[in-house]
């Protein structure tokens, strides 16, 4: 099949998969089926003992149960498979810092000093993997167990073992493997996740989407009290520090971040932001498994729709499209970089435009009065790769690998979800 025809078909398929109307119809159909079967609202919670985001999600699970007529079943799983993590060591270090910021924003407890607790792992899993009569009973024990585990509290773990029914130590590995295999077969890969009637919600960052859905279909009995307030986070930055923003033209989350910046320039003054594009992960030798690709596309779509950002008809720019986009950026004056980047990414992620074509280059060069000869020269010489590589190395020195990412002084954050943290403290 012709490559352009193939990409065109992929663009229309992406538009179908990412359709807001389709997603809402799925929600309504799922709710109708639930009512016909006379079942209550029920979700599954996937939990990893060693994951700081799972630790933070525990009190929110309790709150959701109390605020809405919803019950949970709980599945304890193993840490994420390395195939889904480009740099597991860097993620582990970053997650501890990020979880600390999240805890402050949400008003939750999180240990400030993490001791070595590996010796407690099997004992803690014996408690967590043992089935309980009710979710409330499990949550209560899980909170006590997690607090003890993450604080290296041997006496409390041993006390919980003595006073509660637990799984035999010899059965821990098999049960954990069974849970984890079932988890991956379900089509997802990250713990600290909630699965509710066909849709995944990861960590505290997607609770607002789950709440929005529950408010439409579930009876809310009490007002929820846990919401993030990034203004109360104590961060190591100064007002005069500029924000370095690392992004990729092939990243849908980068597009959402760019769209926010472009549409809210009062909140995000351009003179305080340095745009730093990098090459896509796959061209940097970082594989993206199929399940992860699908989740990222659908997750980005629902975030974009929630924020009224155009999204859906995607034309994958990998290869020549990325090269041309980087060459255009390389020859764009600083004061036009955001506008040009937004136009490129809006066309890639919502209009199904082939940004690699000569016709498209002429259109953009004419619209923004860019030097088309210099852009052609940059493409031919690949001079844009030097800047992209410099930005990648700078990103690596920050302890990060993915985009969008931000740094401001000593404050480092990954993902468009952390824009409130970065920019709340920036100006």
Protein backbone atom coordinates (compact mmCIF):
# COMPACT_ATOMS: atom_id res chain seq x y z
CA UNK A 1 0.00 0.00 0.00
CA UNK A 2 1.20 3.53 -0.80
CA UNK A 3 2.69 5.13 2.31
CA UNK A 4 0.55 8.27 1.99
CA UNK A 5 -2.64 6.24 1.54
CA UNK A 6 -1.70 4.14 4.56
CA UNK A 7 -1.10 7.25 6.66
CA UNK A 8 -4.37 8.78 5.47
CA UNK A 9 -6.27 5.68 6.57
CA UNK A 10 -4.43 5.77 9.92
CA UNK A 11 -5.45 9.41 10.29
CA UNK A 12 -9.14 8.63 9.86
CA UNK A 13 -8.85 5.61 12.17
CA UNK A 14 -7.20 7.80 14.83
CA UNK A 15 -10.02 10.33 14.47
CA UNK A 16 -12.54 7.55 15.08
CA UNK A 17 -10.67 6.10 18.07
CA UNK A 18 -10.19 9.57 19.62
CA UNK A 19 -13.73 10.81 18.96
CA UNK A 20 -15.24 12.61 21.95
CA UNK A 21 -18.72 11.63 20.80
CA UNK A 22 -17.70 7.95 20.62
CA UNK A 23 -16.20 8.08 24.12
CA UNK A 24 -19.34 9.65 25.60
CA UNK A 25 -21.52 7.13 23.74
CA UNK A 26 -19.45 4.32 25.24
CA UNK A 27 -19.99 5.82 28.68
CA UNK A 28 -23.75 6.09 28.14
CA UNK A 29 -24.02 2.55 26.71
CA UNK A 30 -21.99 1.17 29.62
CA UNK A 31 -24.25 2.96 32.09
CA UNK A 32 -27.38 1.65 30.36
CA UNK A 33 -26.01 -1.91 30.56
CA UNK A 34 -25.22 -1.43 34.24
CA UNK A 35 -28.77 -0.28 34.98
CA UNK A 36 -30.34 -3.13 33.00
CA UNK A 37 -28.24 -5.66 34.92
CA UNK A 38 -29.13 -3.87 38.19
CA UNK A 39 -25.50 -3.72 39.23
CA UNK A 40 -23.94 -1.03 41.38
CA UNK A 41 -21.05 1.19 40.32
CA UNK A 42 -17.91 -0.90 40.59
CA UNK A 43 -14.25 -0.34 39.67
CA UNK A 44 -10.92 -2.16 39.95
CA UNK A 45 -7.86 -0.69 41.66
CA UNK A 46 -4.39 -1.93 40.65
CA UNK A 47 -1.79 -1.38 43.33
CA UNK A 48 1.99 -1.82 43.61
CA UNK A 49 3.61 -1.94 47.05
CA UNK A 50 6.79 -0.27 45.77
CA UNK A 51 5.09 2.47 43.76
CA UNK A 52 4.82 5.93 45.38
CA UNK A 53 1.82 6.81 43.19
CA UNK A 54 -0.04 3.77 44.55
CA UNK A 55 0.76 5.01 48.05
CA UNK A 56 -0.81 8.39 47.30
CA UNK A 57 -3.91 6.94 45.66
CA UNK A 58 -5.03 4.93 48.72
CA UNK A 59 -6.80 7.78 50.58
CA UNK A 60 -8.48 8.92 47.36
CA UNK A 61 -9.93 5.43 46.82
CA UNK A 62 -11.45 5.68 50.29
CA UNK A 63 -12.86 9.11 49.48
CA UNK A 64 -14.39 7.94 46.19
CA UNK A 65 -16.11 5.09 47.99
CA UNK A 66 -17.57 7.50 50.52
CA UNK A 67 -18.51 10.27 48.07
CA UNK A 68 -20.06 8.11 45.35
CA UNK A 69 -22.01 4.88 45.35
CA UNK A 70 -19.04 2.93 44.04
CA UNK A 71 -17.21 -0.17 45.25
CA UNK A 72 -13.74 -1.43 44.39
CA UNK A 73 -11.96 -4.71 44.03
CA UNK A 74 -8.22 -4.55 44.59
CA UNK A 75 -5.39 -6.26 42.69
CA UNK A 76 -1.82 -6.13 44.00
CA UNK A 77 0.65 -6.31 41.10
CA UNK A 78 4.41 -6.33 40.59
CA UNK A 79 6.43 -3.24 39.58
CA UNK A 80 6.12 -2.18 35.94
CA UNK A 81 7.76 -4.33 33.27
CA UNK A 82 11.03 -2.68 32.07
CA UNK A 83 9.75 -2.85 28.46
CA UNK A 84 7.37 0.00 29.34
CA UNK A 85 10.07 2.13 30.99
CA UNK A 86 12.90 3.65 28.91
CA UNK A 87 14.98 4.30 32.06
CA UNK A 88 13.67 2.55 35.17
CA UNK A 89 16.35 3.94 37.50
CA UNK A 90 15.66 7.52 36.41
CA UNK A 91 11.90 6.96 36.77
CA UNK A 92 12.33 5.57 40.29
CA UNK A 93 14.35 8.61 41.36
CA UNK A 94 12.01 11.07 39.69
CA UNK A 95 8.84 9.41 41.01
CA UNK A 96 9.93 9.88 44.62
CA UNK A 97 10.46 13.62 44.11
CA UNK A 98 7.29 14.03 42.06
CA UNK A 99 5.21 12.09 44.59
CA UNK A 100 6.47 14.47 47.27
CA UNK A 101 5.22 17.45 45.24
CA UNK A 102 1.89 15.71 44.59
CA UNK A 103 1.48 14.94 48.29
CA UNK A 104 1.95 18.62 49.17
CA UNK A 105 -0.50 19.73 46.47
CA UNK A 106 -3.18 17.24 47.54
CA UNK A 107 -2.60 17.65 51.28
CA UNK A 108 -1.53 14.02 51.69
CA UNK A 109 1.17 12.33 53.75
CA UNK A 110 4.31 11.03 52.06
CA UNK A 111 7.61 10.05 53.70
CA UNK A 112 10.32 12.64 53.21
CA UNK A 113 13.12 10.11 53.75
CA UNK A 114 12.74 6.69 52.14
CA UNK A 115 14.70 3.98 54.04
CA UNK A 116 15.77 0.67 52.57
CA UNK A 117 12.71 -1.54 53.02
CA UNK A 118 13.45 -4.50 50.72
CA UNK A 119 13.70 -6.87 53.71
CA UNK A 120 10.07 -6.07 54.50
CA UNK A 121 8.76 -6.73 51.00
CA UNK A 122 7.66 -10.36 51.35
CA UNK A 123 6.03 -9.77 54.74
CA UNK A 124 4.17 -6.72 53.45
CA UNK A 125 2.97 -8.64 50.39
CA UNK A 126 1.73 -11.47 52.61
CA UNK A 127 -0.65 -8.93 54.18
CA UNK A 128 -1.66 -7.17 50.97
CA UNK A 129 -2.21 -10.29 48.83
CA UNK A 130 -4.49 -12.00 51.34
CA UNK A 131 -8.14 -11.57 50.27
CA UNK A 132 -10.29 -9.56 52.70
CA UNK A 133 -14.00 -9.58 53.41
CA UNK A 134 -14.49 -5.96 52.32
CA UNK A 135 -12.53 -3.32 50.42
CA UNK A 136 -12.73 -1.09 53.49
CA UNK A 137 -10.93 -3.76 55.53
CA UNK A 138 -8.26 -4.11 52.84
CA UNK A 139 -7.79 -0.34 52.54
CA UNK A 140 -7.34 0.03 56.29
CA UNK A 141 -4.72 -2.72 56.38
CA UNK A 142 -3.09 -1.45 53.19
CA UNK A 143 -2.68 2.04 54.64
CA UNK A 144 -1.07 0.64 57.79
CA UNK A 145 1.13 -1.73 55.78
CA UNK A 146 2.25 0.93 53.28
CA UNK A 147 3.05 3.42 56.03
CA UNK A 148 5.14 0.81 57.83
CA UNK A 149 6.83 -0.41 54.65
CA UNK A 150 7.71 3.04 53.36
CA UNK A 151 9.05 4.10 56.76
CA UNK A 152 11.03 0.88 57.32
CA UNK A 153 8.93 0.10 60.41
CA UNK A 154 9.71 -3.56 61.17
CA UNK A 155 7.75 -3.78 64.47
CA UNK A 156 4.49 -2.59 62.88
CA UNK A 157 4.80 -5.03 59.95
CA UNK A 158 5.41 -7.91 62.35
CA UNK A 159 2.48 -6.82 64.53
CA UNK A 160 0.19 -6.75 61.49
CA UNK A 161 1.38 -10.25 60.54
CA UNK A 162 0.55 -11.56 63.99
CA UNK A 163 -2.92 -10.01 64.24
CA UNK A 164 -4.27 -10.58 60.70
CA UNK A 165 -4.80 -13.48 58.37
CA UNK A 166 -2.00 -13.47 55.79
CA UNK A 167 -0.90 -15.35 52.70
CA UNK A 168 1.72 -18.05 53.16
CA UNK A 169 5.17 -16.72 52.31
CA UNK A 170 5.70 -19.54 49.79
CA UNK A 171 2.60 -18.44 47.84
CA UNK A 172 3.53 -14.76 47.51
CA UNK A 173 5.57 -14.97 44.29
CA UNK A 174 3.00 -17.13 42.49
CA UNK A 175 0.04 -14.96 43.50
CA UNK A 176 1.84 -11.75 42.55
CA UNK A 177 2.79 -13.24 39.17
CA UNK A 178 -0.81 -14.39 38.58
CA UNK A 179 -2.18 -10.91 39.36
CA UNK A 180 0.42 -9.20 37.20
CA UNK A 181 -0.11 -11.45 34.18
CA UNK A 182 -3.87 -10.86 34.37
CA UNK A 183 -3.19 -7.10 34.62
CA UNK A 184 -1.11 -7.03 31.42
CA UNK A 185 -3.66 -9.20 29.60
CA UNK A 186 -6.29 -6.58 30.43
CA UNK A 187 -4.38 -4.18 28.17
CA UNK A 188 -2.74 -1.85 30.68
CA UNK A 189 0.73 -1.58 32.20
CA UNK A 190 0.87 0.99 35.05
CA UNK A 191 -0.08 0.36 38.67
CA UNK A 192 -1.77 3.09 40.72
CA UNK A 193 -4.59 2.75 38.22
CA UNK A 194 -8.35 2.49 38.36
CA UNK A 195 -10.32 0.61 35.72
CA UNK A 196 -13.96 1.68 35.54
CA UNK A 197 -16.29 0.21 32.94
CA UNK A 198 -13.90 0.07 29.99
CA UNK A 199 -11.63 3.01 30.77
CA UNK A 200 -8.35 3.41 32.66
CA UNK A 201 -7.53 6.26 35.07
CA UNK A 202 -3.92 6.49 36.19
CA UNK A 203 -2.89 7.94 39.54
CA UNK A 204 -3.99 11.21 41.07
CA UNK A 205 -3.50 12.90 37.69
CA UNK A 206 -6.61 11.31 36.16
CA UNK A 207 -8.93 11.43 39.17
CA UNK A 208 -10.58 14.57 37.79
CA UNK A 209 -11.67 12.63 34.70
CA UNK A 210 -13.08 9.77 36.78
CA UNK A 211 -14.91 12.23 39.04
CA UNK A 212 -16.36 13.97 36.02
CA UNK A 213 -17.72 10.66 34.73
CA UNK A 214 -19.06 9.58 38.12
CA UNK A 215 -20.84 12.90 38.59
CA UNK A 216 -22.77 12.24 35.40
CA UNK A 217 -23.81 8.70 36.28
CA UNK A 218 -23.31 8.01 40.00
CA UNK A 219 -25.21 9.53 42.90
CA UNK A 220 -22.82 11.78 44.79
CA UNK A 221 -23.56 11.46 48.50
CA UNK A 222 -20.83 13.72 49.87
CA UNK A 223 -18.63 16.48 48.50
CA UNK A 224 -15.14 15.28 47.66
CA UNK A 225 -12.50 17.10 49.65
CA UNK A 226 -9.26 16.05 47.99
CA UNK A 227 -8.21 18.38 45.18
CA UNK A 228 -4.73 19.58 44.19
CA UNK A 229 -3.58 23.06 45.12
CA UNK A 230 -0.16 23.50 43.54
CA UNK A 231 0.25 26.88 45.21
CA UNK A 232 1.08 25.24 48.53
CA UNK A 233 4.00 23.21 47.15
CA UNK A 234 7.42 24.29 48.38
CA UNK A 235 9.78 24.21 45.40
CA UNK A 236 13.42 25.15 44.79
CA UNK A 237 12.98 27.96 42.24
CA UNK A 238 13.28 31.73 41.98
CA UNK A 239 11.00 34.19 40.16
CA UNK A 240 13.80 35.28 37.82
CA UNK A 241 14.52 31.73 36.60
CA UNK A 242 13.28 31.00 33.09
CA UNK A 243 11.32 27.85 32.23
CA UNK A 244 13.02 25.43 29.84
CA UNK A 245 10.32 23.45 28.04
CA UNK A 246 11.40 20.22 26.31
CA UNK A 247 8.97 18.82 23.75
CA UNK A 248 8.64 16.60 20.69
CA UNK A 249 6.51 17.22 17.62
CA UNK A 250 5.48 13.54 17.77
CA UNK A 251 4.27 13.67 21.39
CA UNK A 252 0.52 14.27 21.89
CA UNK A 253 1.11 15.42 25.45
CA UNK A 254 3.63 17.95 24.11
CA UNK A 255 0.92 19.22 21.77
CA UNK A 256 -1.46 19.71 24.72
CA UNK A 257 1.24 21.62 26.59
CA UNK A 258 2.02 23.78 23.54
CA UNK A 259 -1.70 24.49 23.03
CA UNK A 260 -2.04 25.58 26.67
CA UNK A 261 0.92 27.93 26.33
CA UNK A 262 -0.33 29.37 23.05
CA UNK A 263 -3.91 29.89 24.20
CA UNK A 264 -3.06 31.25 27.66
CA UNK A 265 -0.18 33.62 27.11
CA UNK A 266 -1.35 35.82 29.97
CA UNK A 267 -0.70 32.93 32.37
CA UNK A 268 2.41 31.77 30.52
CA UNK A 269 4.45 34.84 29.45
CA UNK A 270 6.59 33.88 26.47
CA UNK A 271 9.57 35.96 27.54
CA UNK A 272 10.04 33.55 30.46
CA UNK A 273 9.96 30.33 28.39
CA UNK A 274 12.69 28.63 26.34
CA UNK A 275 11.32 26.11 23.84
CA UNK A 276 13.63 23.12 23.38
CA UNK A 277 12.52 20.46 20.85
CA UNK A 278 13.99 16.95 20.93
CA UNK A 279 13.76 14.00 18.55
CA UNK A 280 10.96 11.45 19.16
CA UNK A 281 11.65 8.59 21.59
CA UNK A 282 11.71 5.91 18.89
CA UNK A 283 14.41 7.75 16.95
CA UNK A 284 16.42 7.91 20.17
CA UNK A 285 16.28 4.11 20.51
CA UNK A 286 13.50 4.14 23.13
CA UNK A 287 10.76 1.66 22.11
CA UNK A 288 7.07 2.31 22.74
CA UNK A 289 4.99 -0.91 23.07
CA UNK A 290 1.62 -1.12 21.31
CA UNK A 291 -0.47 -1.04 24.52
CA UNK A 292 1.34 2.09 25.64
CA UNK A 293 0.85 3.79 22.24
CA UNK A 294 -2.90 3.11 22.30
CA UNK A 295 -3.34 4.34 25.87
CA UNK A 296 -1.32 7.51 25.25
CA UNK A 297 -3.38 8.38 22.15
CA UNK A 298 -6.75 7.87 23.86
CA UNK A 299 -5.62 9.51 27.10
CA UNK A 300 -4.31 12.58 25.28
CA UNK A 301 -7.59 12.78 23.35
CA UNK A 302 -9.77 12.86 26.47
CA UNK A 303 -7.53 15.46 28.12
CA UNK A 304 -7.64 17.60 24.97
CA UNK A 305 -11.42 17.32 24.74
CA UNK A 306 -11.80 18.19 28.43
CA UNK A 307 -9.75 21.35 27.82
CA UNK A 308 -11.43 22.21 24.50
CA UNK A 309 -8.26 21.58 22.46
CA UNK A 310 -8.69 20.26 18.90
CA UNK A 311 -7.52 16.65 18.66
CA UNK A 312 -8.13 13.49 16.66
CA UNK A 313 -7.13 13.47 13.00
CA UNK A 314 -3.49 12.53 13.45
CA UNK A 315 -0.87 12.36 10.70
CA UNK A 316 2.17 10.61 12.14
CA UNK A 317 5.13 12.91 11.39
CA UNK A 318 7.78 10.28 12.15
CA UNK A 319 10.68 10.58 9.73
CA UNK A 320 10.42 13.35 7.15
CA UNK A 321 7.63 15.17 9.00
CA UNK A 322 9.67 15.50 12.18
CA UNK A 323 12.75 16.49 10.16
CA UNK A 324 10.86 19.27 8.38
CA UNK A 325 9.20 20.47 11.59
CA UNK A 326 12.59 20.70 13.32
CA UNK A 327 14.13 22.47 10.32
CA UNK A 328 11.28 25.00 10.35
CA UNK A 329 11.69 25.56 14.09
CA UNK A 330 15.48 25.90 13.65
CA UNK A 331 14.90 28.84 11.27
CA UNK A 332 12.09 30.55 13.20
CA UNK A 333 12.76 33.76 15.20
CA UNK A 334 12.41 33.28 18.95
CA UNK A 335 9.35 35.52 19.18
CA UNK A 336 7.52 33.30 16.64
CA UNK A 337 8.60 29.89 17.91
CA UNK A 338 5.52 29.20 20.02
CA UNK A 339 3.07 30.27 17.31
CA UNK A 340 4.87 28.21 14.65
CA UNK A 341 5.18 25.18 16.95
CA UNK A 342 1.49 25.38 17.79
CA UNK A 343 0.53 25.61 14.13
CA UNK A 344 2.69 22.60 13.22
CA UNK A 345 1.40 20.47 16.09
CA UNK A 346 -2.22 21.54 15.63
CA UNK A 347 -1.98 20.40 12.01
CA UNK A 348 -0.29 17.12 13.00
CA UNK A 349 -2.61 16.21 15.89
CA UNK A 350 -6.00 17.54 14.80
CA UNK A 351 -6.04 18.27 11.07
CA UNK A 352 -4.31 15.22 9.61
CA UNK A 353 -1.85 17.37 7.67
CA UNK A 354 1.29 15.95 6.11
CA UNK A 355 3.85 18.44 7.45
CA UNK A 356 6.63 16.82 5.41
CA UNK A 357 5.39 18.00 1.99
CA UNK A 358 6.87 20.84 -0.05
CA UNK A 359 3.41 22.38 -0.38
CA UNK A 360 3.04 22.51 3.39
CA UNK A 361 6.50 24.07 3.80
CA UNK A 362 5.60 26.79 1.29
CA UNK A 363 2.35 27.47 3.16
CA UNK A 364 4.05 27.82 6.55
CA UNK A 365 6.98 29.84 5.20
CA UNK A 366 4.57 32.24 3.51
CA UNK A 367 2.25 32.56 6.50
CA UNK A 368 5.02 33.26 9.02
CA UNK A 369 7.47 34.91 6.56
CA UNK A 370 10.19 32.31 7.19
CA UNK A 371 13.33 31.86 5.01
CA UNK A 372 12.40 28.82 2.90
CA UNK A 373 15.90 28.50 1.37
CA UNK A 374 17.46 28.26 4.83
CA UNK A 375 14.88 25.66 5.87
CA UNK A 376 15.74 23.56 2.80
CA UNK A 377 19.44 23.88 3.65
CA UNK A 378 18.79 22.83 7.28
CA UNK A 379 16.92 19.76 6.05
CA UNK A 380 19.69 18.82 3.63
CA UNK A 381 22.52 19.35 6.11
CA UNK A 382 20.48 18.12 9.12
CA UNK A 383 21.82 21.09 11.08
CA UNK A 384 18.69 20.99 13.26
CA UNK A 385 19.90 17.68 14.73
CA UNK A 386 22.67 19.43 16.66
CA UNK A 387 20.18 21.56 18.61
CA UNK A 388 17.87 18.59 19.16
CA UNK A 389 20.76 16.50 20.47
CA UNK A 390 21.96 19.34 22.72
CA UNK A 391 18.44 19.54 24.16
CA UNK A 392 18.31 15.75 24.64
CA UNK A 393 21.57 15.80 26.59
CA UNK A 394 20.32 18.68 28.74
CA UNK A 395 17.14 16.70 29.41
CA UNK A 396 19.23 13.68 30.43
CA UNK A 397 21.27 15.81 32.86
CA UNK A 398 17.98 16.73 34.54
CA UNK A 399 17.36 13.03 35.15
CA UNK A 400 14.57 12.84 32.57
CA UNK A 401 14.07 11.17 29.20
CA UNK A 402 10.46 11.84 28.18
CA UNK A 403 8.49 14.86 27.05
CA UNK A 404 6.96 17.24 27.70
CA UNK A 405 9.35 18.14 30.50
CA UNK A 406 10.08 21.41 32.27
CA UNK A 407 12.85 22.84 34.39
CA UNK A 408 13.00 26.09 36.30
CA UNK A 409 16.12 26.57 38.36
CA UNK A 410 16.39 23.36 40.41
CA UNK A 411 12.73 22.48 39.90
CA UNK A 412 12.24 19.68 37.37
CA UNK A 413 8.89 18.26 36.24
CA UNK A 414 7.74 15.75 33.65
CA UNK A 415 4.38 15.83 31.86
CA UNK A 416 1.78 18.44 30.98
CA UNK A 417 0.04 17.60 34.28
CA UNK A 418 2.85 19.44 36.10
CA UNK A 419 2.40 22.73 34.27
CA UNK A 420 0.46 24.18 37.24
CA UNK A 421 3.42 23.32 39.50
CA UNK A 422 5.98 24.91 37.19
CA UNK A 423 4.02 28.00 36.24
CA UNK A 424 2.27 28.56 39.59
CA UNK A 425 5.74 29.14 40.99
CA UNK A 426 7.28 30.77 37.95
CA UNK A 427 5.83 34.28 37.83
